[in-house]
């Protein structure tokens, strides 16, 4: 099973970006999205250090709500 994590871009330097989600920041590669227009503030799906697709803020929030529910049920 592959897991992608939605994150928001906070800085871009060439094909590298600093992304954050839930207080965690990571350096990720934008190489796989080189044919798409991405900018600071955009949401992207991250998998093994690569942004694999651009997504809307609503899609990112929906994913995080689902992850939060799964984590809560696992700790119950």
C-alpha atoms as a PDB file:
ATOM      1  CA  UNK A   1       0.000   0.000   0.000  1.00  0.00           C
ATOM      2  CA  UNK A   2       1.268   3.450  -0.890  1.00  0.00           C
ATOM      3  CA  UNK A   3       0.502   6.451   1.240  1.00  0.00           C
ATOM      4  CA  UNK A   4       0.523  10.026   0.016  1.00  0.00           C
ATOM      5  CA  UNK A   5       0.468  12.938   2.437  1.00  0.00           C
ATOM      6  CA  UNK A   6      -1.087  16.280   1.476  1.00  0.00           C
ATOM      7  CA  UNK A   7       1.159  19.254   2.236  1.00  0.00           C
ATOM      8  CA  UNK A   8       1.199  22.965   1.440  1.00  0.00           C
ATOM      9  CA  UNK A   9       4.143  24.552  -0.362  1.00  0.00           C
ATOM     10  CA  UNK A  10       5.742  27.304   1.743  1.00  0.00           C
ATOM     11  CA  UNK A  11       8.883  27.957  -0.367  1.00  0.00           C
ATOM     12  CA  UNK A  12      10.210  26.947  -3.781  1.00  0.00           C
ATOM     13  CA  UNK A  13      13.819  26.782  -4.959  1.00  0.00           C
ATOM     14  CA  UNK A  14      14.036  25.350  -8.479  1.00  0.00           C
ATOM     15  CA  UNK A  15      12.703  21.783  -8.391  1.00  0.00           C
ATOM     16  CA  UNK A  16      12.794  21.682  -4.580  1.00  0.00           C
ATOM     17  CA  UNK A  17      10.125  22.921  -2.223  1.00  0.00           C
ATOM     18  CA  UNK A  18       9.666  23.334   1.492  1.00  0.00           C
ATOM     19  CA  UNK A  19       6.240  21.964   2.395  1.00  0.00           C
ATOM     20  CA  UNK A  20       4.322  21.862   5.656  1.00  0.00           C
ATOM     21  CA  UNK A  21       1.361  20.082   7.168  1.00  0.00           C
ATOM     22  CA  UNK A  22       0.188  19.935  10.773  1.00  0.00           C
ATOM     23  CA  UNK A  23       3.280  21.743  12.046  1.00  0.00           C
ATOM     24  CA  UNK A  24       5.747  19.459  10.243  1.00  0.00           C
ATOM     25  CA  UNK A  25       7.975  20.776   7.448  1.00  0.00           C
ATOM     26  CA  UNK A  26       9.778  18.706   4.821  1.00  0.00           C
ATOM     27  CA  UNK A  27      11.976  19.310   1.798  1.00  0.00           C
ATOM     28  CA  UNK A  28      10.390  17.673  -1.244  1.00  0.00           C
ATOM     29  CA  UNK A  29      11.171  17.374  -4.931  1.00  0.00           C
ATOM     30  CA  UNK A  30       8.896  19.028  -7.483  1.00  0.00           C
ATOM     31  CA  UNK A  31      10.619  17.204 -10.348  1.00  0.00           C
ATOM     32  CA  UNK A  32       7.585  15.026 -11.123  1.00  0.00           C
ATOM     33  CA  UNK A  33       5.436  18.170 -11.457  1.00  0.00           C
ATOM     34  CA  UNK A  34       7.793  20.039 -13.780  1.00  0.00           C
ATOM     35  CA  UNK A  35       5.064  20.275 -16.451  1.00  0.00           C
ATOM     36  CA  UNK A  36       2.576  21.812 -13.988  1.00  0.00           C
ATOM     37  CA  UNK A  37       2.438  25.320 -12.626  1.00  0.00           C
ATOM     38  CA  UNK A  38       3.001  25.172  -8.863  1.00  0.00           C
ATOM     39  CA  UNK A  39       3.411  28.118  -6.506  1.00  0.00           C
ATOM     40  CA  UNK A  40       3.834  28.927  -2.843  1.00  0.00           C
ATOM     41  CA  UNK A  41       0.478  28.277  -1.172  1.00  0.00           C
ATOM     42  CA  UNK A  42      -0.467  25.366  -3.440  1.00  0.00           C
ATOM     43  CA  UNK A  43      -1.295  21.971  -1.960  1.00  0.00           C
ATOM     44  CA  UNK A  44       0.466  18.871  -3.275  1.00  0.00           C
ATOM     45  CA  UNK A  45       0.362  15.151  -2.521  1.00  0.00           C
ATOM     46  CA  UNK A  46       3.745  13.932  -1.240  1.00  0.00           C
ATOM     47  CA  UNK A  47       4.963  10.350  -1.638  1.00  0.00           C
ATOM     48  CA  UNK A  48       8.500   9.242  -0.667  1.00  0.00           C
ATOM     49  CA  UNK A  49       9.831  12.795  -0.888  1.00  0.00           C
ATOM     50  CA  UNK A  50       8.235  13.700  -4.216  1.00  0.00           C
ATOM     51  CA  UNK A  51       5.244  15.891  -4.956  1.00  0.00           C
ATOM     52  CA  UNK A  52       3.213  13.589  -7.207  1.00  0.00           C
ATOM     53  CA  UNK A  53       0.200  15.776  -7.946  1.00  0.00           C
ATOM     54  CA  UNK A  54      -1.327  19.137  -7.243  1.00  0.00           C
ATOM     55  CA  UNK A  55      -4.570  19.180  -5.267  1.00  0.00           C
ATOM     56  CA  UNK A  56      -7.115  21.667  -4.003  1.00  0.00           C
ATOM     57  CA  UNK A  57      -7.175  22.901  -0.426  1.00  0.00           C
ATOM     58  CA  UNK A  58     -10.521  21.120   0.035  1.00  0.00           C
ATOM     59  CA  UNK A  59      -9.014  17.809  -1.122  1.00  0.00           C
ATOM     60  CA  UNK A  60      -6.076  18.263   1.266  1.00  0.00           C
ATOM     61  CA  UNK A  61      -8.390  19.058   4.194  1.00  0.00           C
ATOM     62  CA  UNK A  62     -10.593  16.066   3.385  1.00  0.00           C
ATOM     63  CA  UNK A  63      -7.548  13.773   3.346  1.00  0.00           C
ATOM     64  CA  UNK A  64      -6.328  15.113   6.691  1.00  0.00           C
ATOM     65  CA  UNK A  65      -9.793  14.657   8.240  1.00  0.00           C
ATOM     66  CA  UNK A  66      -9.726  11.015   7.135  1.00  0.00           C
ATOM     67  CA  UNK A  67      -6.182  10.524   8.493  1.00  0.00           C
ATOM     68  CA  UNK A  68      -7.212  12.119  11.805  1.00  0.00           C
ATOM     69  CA  UNK A  69     -10.199   9.746  12.079  1.00  0.00           C
ATOM     70  CA  UNK A  70      -8.009   6.729  11.358  1.00  0.00           C
ATOM     71  CA  UNK A  71      -5.436   7.797  13.948  1.00  0.00           C
ATOM     72  CA  UNK A  72      -8.152   8.469  16.534  1.00  0.00           C
ATOM     73  CA  UNK A  73      -9.745   5.044  15.994  1.00  0.00           C
ATOM     74  CA  UNK A  74      -6.335   3.365  16.212  1.00  0.00           C
ATOM     75  CA  UNK A  75      -5.631   4.990  19.590  1.00  0.00           C
ATOM     76  CA  UNK A  76      -9.092   4.292  21.013  1.00  0.00           C
END
